[in-house]
Amino acid sequence: MICIIVYLDHNIRFYLLYQMNIRDLQYLVAVSETRHFGQAAAQCFISQPTLSGQIQKLENELGITLFERTNRSVNVTPIGREITAHARQVVEQVEAIRRLAQSQKDPLTGPLRVGAIPHAEPLPAAPFYTGSAQTAS
Protein backbone atom coordinates (compact mmCIF):
# COMPACT_ATOMS: atom_id res chain seq x y z
CA MET A 1 0.00 0.00 0.00
CA ILE A 2 1.25 3.47 -0.86
CA CYS A 3 0.34 6.55 1.13
CA ILE A 4 0.28 9.87 -0.69
CA ILE A 5 0.11 13.07 1.35
CA VAL A 6 -1.34 16.10 -0.41
CA TYR A 7 -1.14 19.56 1.16
CA LEU A 8 -3.76 21.94 -0.24
CA ASP A 9 -5.15 25.12 1.29
CA HIS A 10 -3.78 24.36 4.75
CA ASN A 11 -5.44 20.95 4.72
CA ILE A 12 -3.50 17.74 4.68
CA ARG A 13 -5.14 14.90 2.82
CA PHE A 14 -3.97 11.31 2.94
CA TYR A 15 -4.69 9.02 0.04
CA LEU A 16 -4.04 5.34 0.30
CA LEU A 17 -3.40 3.59 -2.97
CA TYR A 18 -3.75 -0.14 -3.15
CA GLN A 19 -1.18 -2.18 -5.06
CA MET A 20 -1.71 -5.80 -5.94
CA ASN A 21 0.73 -8.33 -4.55
CA ILE A 22 1.50 -12.02 -4.99
CA ARG A 23 -0.93 -13.04 -2.27
CA ASP A 24 -3.77 -11.24 -4.06
CA LEU A 25 -2.93 -13.14 -7.24
CA GLN A 26 -3.02 -16.39 -5.25
CA TYR A 27 -6.47 -15.42 -3.96
CA LEU A 28 -7.62 -14.64 -7.50
CA VAL A 29 -6.45 -18.04 -8.74
CA ALA A 30 -8.09 -19.82 -5.80
CA VAL A 31 -11.48 -18.16 -6.35
CA SER A 32 -11.26 -18.83 -10.09
CA GLU A 33 -10.51 -22.51 -9.50
CA THR A 34 -13.10 -23.15 -6.77
CA ARG A 35 -15.76 -20.69 -7.98
CA HIS A 36 -16.63 -20.30 -4.30
CA PHE A 37 -15.35 -17.61 -1.94
CA GLY A 38 -15.74 -19.76 1.17
CA GLN A 39 -13.81 -22.71 -0.29
CA ALA A 40 -11.13 -20.42 -1.71
CA ALA A 41 -10.75 -18.70 1.66
CA ALA A 42 -10.33 -22.06 3.41
CA GLN A 43 -7.77 -23.10 0.79
CA CYS A 44 -5.84 -19.85 1.41
CA PHE A 45 -6.16 -20.11 5.21
CA ILE A 46 -7.97 -16.78 5.57
CA SER A 47 -11.52 -15.74 6.41
CA GLN A 48 -14.10 -15.37 3.68
CA PRO A 49 -14.68 -11.64 4.39
CA THR A 50 -10.92 -11.01 4.15
CA LEU A 51 -10.75 -12.82 0.81
CA SER A 52 -13.79 -10.96 -0.53
CA GLY A 53 -12.26 -7.65 0.54
CA GLN A 54 -8.94 -8.38 -1.16
CA ILE A 55 -10.66 -9.43 -4.39
CA GLN A 56 -12.76 -6.25 -4.25
CA LYS A 57 -9.62 -4.13 -3.79
CA LEU A 58 -8.01 -5.89 -6.75
CA GLU A 59 -11.09 -5.25 -8.89
CA ASN A 60 -11.08 -1.59 -7.83
CA GLU A 61 -7.39 -1.20 -8.65
CA LEU A 62 -7.82 -2.77 -12.07
CA GLY A 63 -11.10 -0.98 -12.71
CA ILE A 64 -12.84 -4.15 -13.88
CA THR A 65 -15.10 -6.89 -12.58
CA LEU A 66 -13.29 -10.21 -12.27
CA PHE A 67 -16.23 -12.21 -10.93
CA GLU A 68 -19.98 -12.09 -11.40
CA ARG A 69 -21.45 -12.84 -7.99
CA THR A 70 -24.95 -14.07 -7.22
CA ASN A 71 -26.41 -15.59 -4.08
CA ARG A 72 -25.83 -19.06 -5.50
CA SER A 73 -22.78 -18.84 -7.74
CA VAL A 74 -19.54 -17.13 -8.61
CA ASN A 75 -18.67 -16.92 -12.29
CA VAL A 76 -15.43 -15.65 -13.76
CA THR A 77 -15.91 -12.86 -16.30
CA PRO A 78 -14.17 -13.20 -19.68
CA ILE A 79 -11.54 -10.62 -18.71
CA GLY A 80 -11.30 -12.32 -15.32
CA ARG A 81 -10.34 -15.57 -17.09
CA GLU A 82 -7.59 -13.82 -19.04
CA ILE A 83 -6.23 -12.07 -15.97
CA THR A 84 -6.40 -15.30 -13.95
CA ALA A 85 -4.32 -17.07 -16.61
CA HIS A 86 -1.61 -14.42 -16.23
CA ALA A 87 -1.92 -14.49 -12.43
CA ARG A 88 -1.51 -18.28 -12.43
CA GLN A 89 1.74 -17.93 -14.42
CA VAL A 90 3.04 -15.31 -11.99
CA VAL A 91 2.17 -17.49 -8.98
CA GLU A 92 3.88 -20.51 -10.58
CA GLN A 93 7.00 -18.44 -11.31
CA VAL A 94 7.12 -17.15 -7.73
CA GLU A 95 6.83 -20.72 -6.44
CA ALA A 96 9.65 -21.79 -8.78
CA ILE A 97 11.83 -18.96 -7.44
CA ARG A 98 11.11 -20.04 -3.87
CA ARG A 99 11.93 -23.69 -4.66
CA LEU A 100 15.19 -22.67 -6.32
CA ALA A 101 16.18 -20.51 -3.36
CA GLN A 102 15.26 -23.29 -0.92
CA SER A 103 17.32 -25.83 -2.85
CA GLN A 104 20.36 -23.61 -2.47
CA LYS A 105 19.81 -23.23 1.27
CA ASP A 106 19.60 -26.99 1.86
CA PRO A 107 22.78 -28.73 0.66
CA LEU A 108 21.19 -32.17 1.07
CA THR A 109 18.76 -31.76 -1.81
CA GLY A 110 19.22 -32.94 -5.36
CA PRO A 111 19.78 -36.28 -7.04
CA LEU A 112 21.30 -39.11 -5.04
CA ARG A 113 23.72 -41.29 -6.98
CA VAL A 114 24.56 -44.75 -5.69
CA GLY A 115 27.15 -47.02 -7.19
CA ALA A 116 26.97 -50.80 -6.94
CA ILE A 117 28.68 -53.83 -8.38
CA PRO A 118 26.06 -55.81 -10.36
CA HIS A 119 26.95 -59.26 -8.99
CA ALA A 120 27.53 -58.30 -5.35
CA GLU A 121 24.43 -58.57 -3.15
CA PRO A 122 21.75 -57.45 -5.63
CA LEU A 123 18.80 -58.20 -3.32
CA PRO A 124 19.36 -55.68 -0.47
CA ALA A 125 19.31 -52.76 -2.91
CA ALA A 126 16.25 -53.97 -4.84
CA PRO A 127 13.64 -52.04 -2.77
CA PHE A 128 15.45 -48.77 -3.47
CA TYR A 129 15.95 -49.29 -7.18
CA THR A 130 13.38 -47.46 -9.31
CA GLY A 131 15.29 -46.17 -12.31
CA SER A 132 17.18 -47.63 -15.21
CA ALA A 133 20.75 -48.77 -14.74
CA GLN A 134 23.39 -46.39 -15.98
CA THR A 135 27.07 -47.07 -16.22
CA ALA A 136 29.63 -44.45 -15.36
CA SER A 137 32.05 -43.50 -18.05
C-alpha atoms as a PDB file:
ATOM      1  CA  MET A   1       0.000   0.000   0.000  1.00  0.00           C
ATOM      2  CA  ILE A   2       1.250   3.469  -0.859  1.00  0.00           C
ATOM      3  CA  CYS A   3       0.344   6.551   1.132  1.00  0.00           C
ATOM      4  CA  ILE A   4       0.276   9.873  -0.691  1.00  0.00           C
ATOM      5  CA  ILE A   5       0.111  13.070   1.345  1.00  0.00           C
ATOM      6  CA  VAL A   6      -1.337  16.100  -0.405  1.00  0.00           C
ATOM      7  CA  TYR A   7      -1.142  19.561   1.156  1.00  0.00           C
ATOM      8  CA  LEU A   8      -3.764  21.938  -0.240  1.00  0.00           C
ATOM      9  CA  ASP A   9      -5.154  25.118   1.294  1.00  0.00           C
ATOM     10  CA  HIS A  10      -3.776  24.362   4.750  1.00  0.00           C
ATOM     11  CA  ASN A  11      -5.443  20.948   4.725  1.00  0.00           C
ATOM     12  CA  ILE A  12      -3.496  17.744   4.676  1.00  0.00           C
ATOM     13  CA  ARG A  13      -5.135  14.901   2.815  1.00  0.00           C
ATOM     14  CA  PHE A  14      -3.970  11.311   2.938  1.00  0.00           C
ATOM     15  CA  TYR A  15      -4.686   9.019   0.040  1.00  0.00           C
ATOM     16  CA  LEU A  16      -4.040   5.336   0.296  1.00  0.00           C
ATOM     17  CA  LEU A  17      -3.405   3.589  -2.970  1.00  0.00           C
ATOM     18  CA  TYR A  18      -3.750  -0.137  -3.148  1.00  0.00           C
ATOM     19  CA  GLN A  19      -1.185  -2.175  -5.061  1.00  0.00           C
ATOM     20  CA  MET A  20      -1.710  -5.801  -5.937  1.00  0.00           C
ATOM     21  CA  ASN A  21       0.728  -8.330  -4.550  1.00  0.00           C
ATOM     22  CA  ILE A  22       1.500 -12.021  -4.991  1.00  0.00           C
ATOM     23  CA  ARG A  23      -0.931 -13.038  -2.269  1.00  0.00           C
ATOM     24  CA  ASP A  24      -3.769 -11.237  -4.062  1.00  0.00           C
ATOM     25  CA  LEU A  25      -2.932 -13.136  -7.237  1.00  0.00           C
ATOM     26  CA  GLN A  26      -3.024 -16.390  -5.250  1.00  0.00           C
ATOM     27  CA  TYR A  27      -6.466 -15.421  -3.957  1.00  0.00           C
ATOM     28  CA  LEU A  28      -7.622 -14.640  -7.496  1.00  0.00           C
ATOM     29  CA  VAL A  29      -6.454 -18.036  -8.739  1.00  0.00           C
ATOM     30  CA  ALA A  30      -8.092 -19.822  -5.796  1.00  0.00           C
ATOM     31  CA  VAL A  31     -11.478 -18.158  -6.354  1.00  0.00           C
ATOM     32  CA  SER A  32     -11.264 -18.833 -10.095  1.00  0.00           C
ATOM     33  CA  GLU A  33     -10.514 -22.513  -9.501  1.00  0.00           C
ATOM     34  CA  THR A  34     -13.100 -23.149  -6.774  1.00  0.00           C
ATOM     35  CA  ARG A  35     -15.756 -20.686  -7.979  1.00  0.00           C
ATOM     36  CA  HIS A  36     -16.631 -20.300  -4.303  1.00  0.00           C
ATOM     37  CA  PHE A  37     -15.354 -17.607  -1.941  1.00  0.00           C
ATOM     38  CA  GLY A  38     -15.737 -19.765   1.172  1.00  0.00           C
ATOM     39  CA  GLN A  39     -13.809 -22.709  -0.286  1.00  0.00           C
ATOM     40  CA  ALA A  40     -11.132 -20.420  -1.712  1.00  0.00           C
ATOM     41  CA  ALA A  41     -10.751 -18.704   1.664  1.00  0.00           C
ATOM     42  CA  ALA A  42     -10.328 -22.065   3.411  1.00  0.00           C
ATOM     43  CA  GLN A  43      -7.772 -23.104   0.789  1.00  0.00           C
ATOM     44  CA  CYS A  44      -5.845 -19.850   1.408  1.00  0.00           C
ATOM     45  CA  PHE A  45      -6.161 -20.109   5.213  1.00  0.00           C
ATOM     46  CA  ILE A  46      -7.968 -16.778   5.575  1.00  0.00           C
ATOM     47  CA  SER A  47     -11.518 -15.744   6.413  1.00  0.00           C
ATOM     48  CA  GLN A  48     -14.105 -15.373   3.678  1.00  0.00           C
ATOM     49  CA  PRO A  49     -14.677 -11.640   4.393  1.00  0.00           C
ATOM     50  CA  THR A  50     -10.921 -11.006   4.149  1.00  0.00           C
ATOM     51  CA  LEU A  51     -10.749 -12.820   0.809  1.00  0.00           C
ATOM     52  CA  SER A  52     -13.786 -10.957  -0.527  1.00  0.00           C
ATOM     53  CA  GLY A  53     -12.262  -7.650   0.536  1.00  0.00           C
ATOM     54  CA  GLN A  54      -8.944  -8.385  -1.157  1.00  0.00           C
ATOM     55  CA  ILE A  55     -10.659  -9.428  -4.392  1.00  0.00           C
ATOM     56  CA  GLN A  56     -12.765  -6.253  -4.247  1.00  0.00           C
ATOM     57  CA  LYS A  57      -9.616  -4.135  -3.791  1.00  0.00           C
ATOM     58  CA  LEU A  58      -8.010  -5.890  -6.746  1.00  0.00           C
ATOM     59  CA  GLU A  59     -11.088  -5.246  -8.891  1.00  0.00           C
ATOM     60  CA  ASN A  60     -11.076  -1.586  -7.831  1.00  0.00           C
ATOM     61  CA  GLU A  61      -7.387  -1.196  -8.652  1.00  0.00           C
ATOM     62  CA  LEU A  62      -7.815  -2.771 -12.071  1.00  0.00           C
ATOM     63  CA  GLY A  63     -11.099  -0.980 -12.709  1.00  0.00           C
ATOM     64  CA  ILE A  64     -12.839  -4.153 -13.882  1.00  0.00           C
ATOM     65  CA  THR A  65     -15.103  -6.889 -12.584  1.00  0.00           C
ATOM     66  CA  LEU A  66     -13.286 -10.207 -12.274  1.00  0.00           C
ATOM     67  CA  PHE A  67     -16.233 -12.210 -10.935  1.00  0.00           C
ATOM     68  CA  GLU A  68     -19.981 -12.089 -11.398  1.00  0.00           C
ATOM     69  CA  ARG A  69     -21.447 -12.845  -7.990  1.00  0.00           C
ATOM     70  CA  THR A  70     -24.948 -14.067  -7.217  1.00  0.00           C
ATOM     71  CA  ASN A  71     -26.412 -15.593  -4.080  1.00  0.00           C
ATOM     72  CA  ARG A  72     -25.830 -19.057  -5.500  1.00  0.00           C
ATOM     73  CA  SER A  73     -22.783 -18.842  -7.736  1.00  0.00           C
ATOM     74  CA  VAL A  74     -19.538 -17.128  -8.609  1.00  0.00           C
ATOM     75  CA  ASN A  75     -18.671 -16.915 -12.288  1.00  0.00           C
ATOM     76  CA  VAL A  76     -15.431 -15.649 -13.763  1.00  0.00           C
ATOM     77  CA  THR A  77     -15.909 -12.864 -16.299  1.00  0.00           C
ATOM     78  CA  PRO A  78     -14.172 -13.202 -19.680  1.00  0.00           C
ATOM     79  CA  ILE A  79     -11.540 -10.617 -18.713  1.00  0.00           C
ATOM     80  CA  GLY A  80     -11.297 -12.325 -15.323  1.00  0.00           C
ATOM     81  CA  ARG A  81     -10.341 -15.573 -17.089  1.00  0.00           C
ATOM     82  CA  GLU A  82      -7.592 -13.822 -19.037  1.00  0.00           C
ATOM     83  CA  ILE A  83      -6.227 -12.068 -15.971  1.00  0.00           C
ATOM     84  CA  THR A  84      -6.403 -15.296 -13.951  1.00  0.00           C
ATOM     85  CA  ALA A  85      -4.317 -17.066 -16.611  1.00  0.00           C
ATOM     86  CA  HIS A  86      -1.610 -14.421 -16.227  1.00  0.00           C
ATOM     87  CA  ALA A  87      -1.923 -14.487 -12.432  1.00  0.00           C
ATOM     88  CA  ARG A  88      -1.507 -18.278 -12.430  1.00  0.00           C
ATOM     89  CA  GLN A  89       1.736 -17.932 -14.424  1.00  0.00           C
ATOM     90  CA  VAL A  90       3.043 -15.309 -11.990  1.00  0.00           C
ATOM     91  CA  VAL A  91       2.170 -17.487  -8.980  1.00  0.00           C
ATOM     92  CA  GLU A  92       3.881 -20.506 -10.578  1.00  0.00           C
ATOM     93  CA  GLN A  93       6.999 -18.444 -11.313  1.00  0.00           C
ATOM     94  CA  VAL A  94       7.125 -17.152  -7.731  1.00  0.00           C
ATOM     95  CA  GLU A  95       6.827 -20.721  -6.435  1.00  0.00           C
ATOM     96  CA  ALA A  96       9.650 -21.787  -8.779  1.00  0.00           C
ATOM     97  CA  ILE A  97      11.831 -18.965  -7.443  1.00  0.00           C
ATOM     98  CA  ARG A  98      11.110 -20.040  -3.868  1.00  0.00           C
ATOM     99  CA  ARG A  99      11.926 -23.695  -4.659  1.00  0.00           C
ATOM    100  CA  LEU A 100      15.186 -22.671  -6.322  1.00  0.00           C
ATOM    101  CA  ALA A 101      16.182 -20.511  -3.362  1.00  0.00           C
ATOM    102  CA  GLN A 102      15.262 -23.292  -0.916  1.00  0.00           C
ATOM    103  CA  SER A 103      17.316 -25.833  -2.853  1.00  0.00           C
ATOM    104  CA  GLN A 104      20.365 -23.608  -2.472  1.00  0.00           C
ATOM    105  CA  LYS A 105      19.812 -23.229   1.273  1.00  0.00           C
ATOM    106  CA  ASP A 106      19.598 -26.986   1.861  1.00  0.00           C
ATOM    107  CA  PRO A 107      22.780 -28.726   0.659  1.00  0.00           C
ATOM    108  CA  LEU A 108      21.190 -32.167   1.071  1.00  0.00           C
ATOM    109  CA  THR A 109      18.759 -31.757  -1.815  1.00  0.00           C
ATOM    110  CA  GLY A 110      19.217 -32.942  -5.357  1.00  0.00           C
ATOM    111  CA  PRO A 111      19.784 -36.276  -7.039  1.00  0.00           C
ATOM    112  CA  LEU A 112      21.304 -39.109  -5.036  1.00  0.00           C
ATOM    113  CA  ARG A 113      23.720 -41.291  -6.977  1.00  0.00           C
ATOM    114  CA  VAL A 114      24.557 -44.746  -5.690  1.00  0.00           C
ATOM    115  CA  GLY A 115      27.148 -47.020  -7.189  1.00  0.00           C
ATOM    116  CA  ALA A 116      26.967 -50.802  -6.943  1.00  0.00           C
ATOM    117  CA  ILE A 117      28.684 -53.833  -8.377  1.00  0.00           C
ATOM    118  CA  PRO A 118      26.061 -55.805 -10.357  1.00  0.00           C
ATOM    119  CA  HIS A 119      26.955 -59.259  -8.986  1.00  0.00           C
ATOM    120  CA  ALA A 120      27.533 -58.303  -5.351  1.00  0.00           C
ATOM    121  CA  GLU A 121      24.435 -58.568  -3.152  1.00  0.00           C
ATOM    122  CA  PRO A 122      21.750 -57.452  -5.628  1.00  0.00           C
ATOM    123  CA  LEU A 123      18.797 -58.203  -3.320  1.00  0.00           C
ATOM    124  CA  PRO A 124      19.360 -55.677  -0.472  1.00  0.00           C
ATOM    125  CA  ALA A 125      19.315 -52.756  -2.908  1.00  0.00           C
ATOM    126  CA  ALA A 126      16.254 -53.974  -4.841  1.00  0.00           C
ATOM    127  CA  PRO A 127      13.642 -52.041  -2.771  1.00  0.00           C
ATOM    128  CA  PHE A 128      15.453 -48.772  -3.470  1.00  0.00           C
ATOM    129  CA  TYR A 129      15.948 -49.290  -7.177  1.00  0.00           C
ATOM    130  CA  THR A 130      13.382 -47.456  -9.307  1.00  0.00           C
ATOM    131  CA  GLY A 131      15.290 -46.170 -12.314  1.00  0.00           C
ATOM    132  CA  SER A 132      17.183 -47.631 -15.208  1.00  0.00           C
ATOM    133  CA  ALA A 133      20.750 -48.766 -14.741  1.00  0.00           C
ATOM    134  CA  GLN A 134      23.393 -46.385 -15.981  1.00  0.00           C
ATOM    135  CA  THR A 135      27.071 -47.065 -16.220  1.00  0.00           C
ATOM    136  CA  ALA A 136      29.633 -44.451 -15.364  1.00  0.00           C
ATOM    137  CA  SER A 137      32.046 -43.499 -18.052  1.00  0.00           C
END
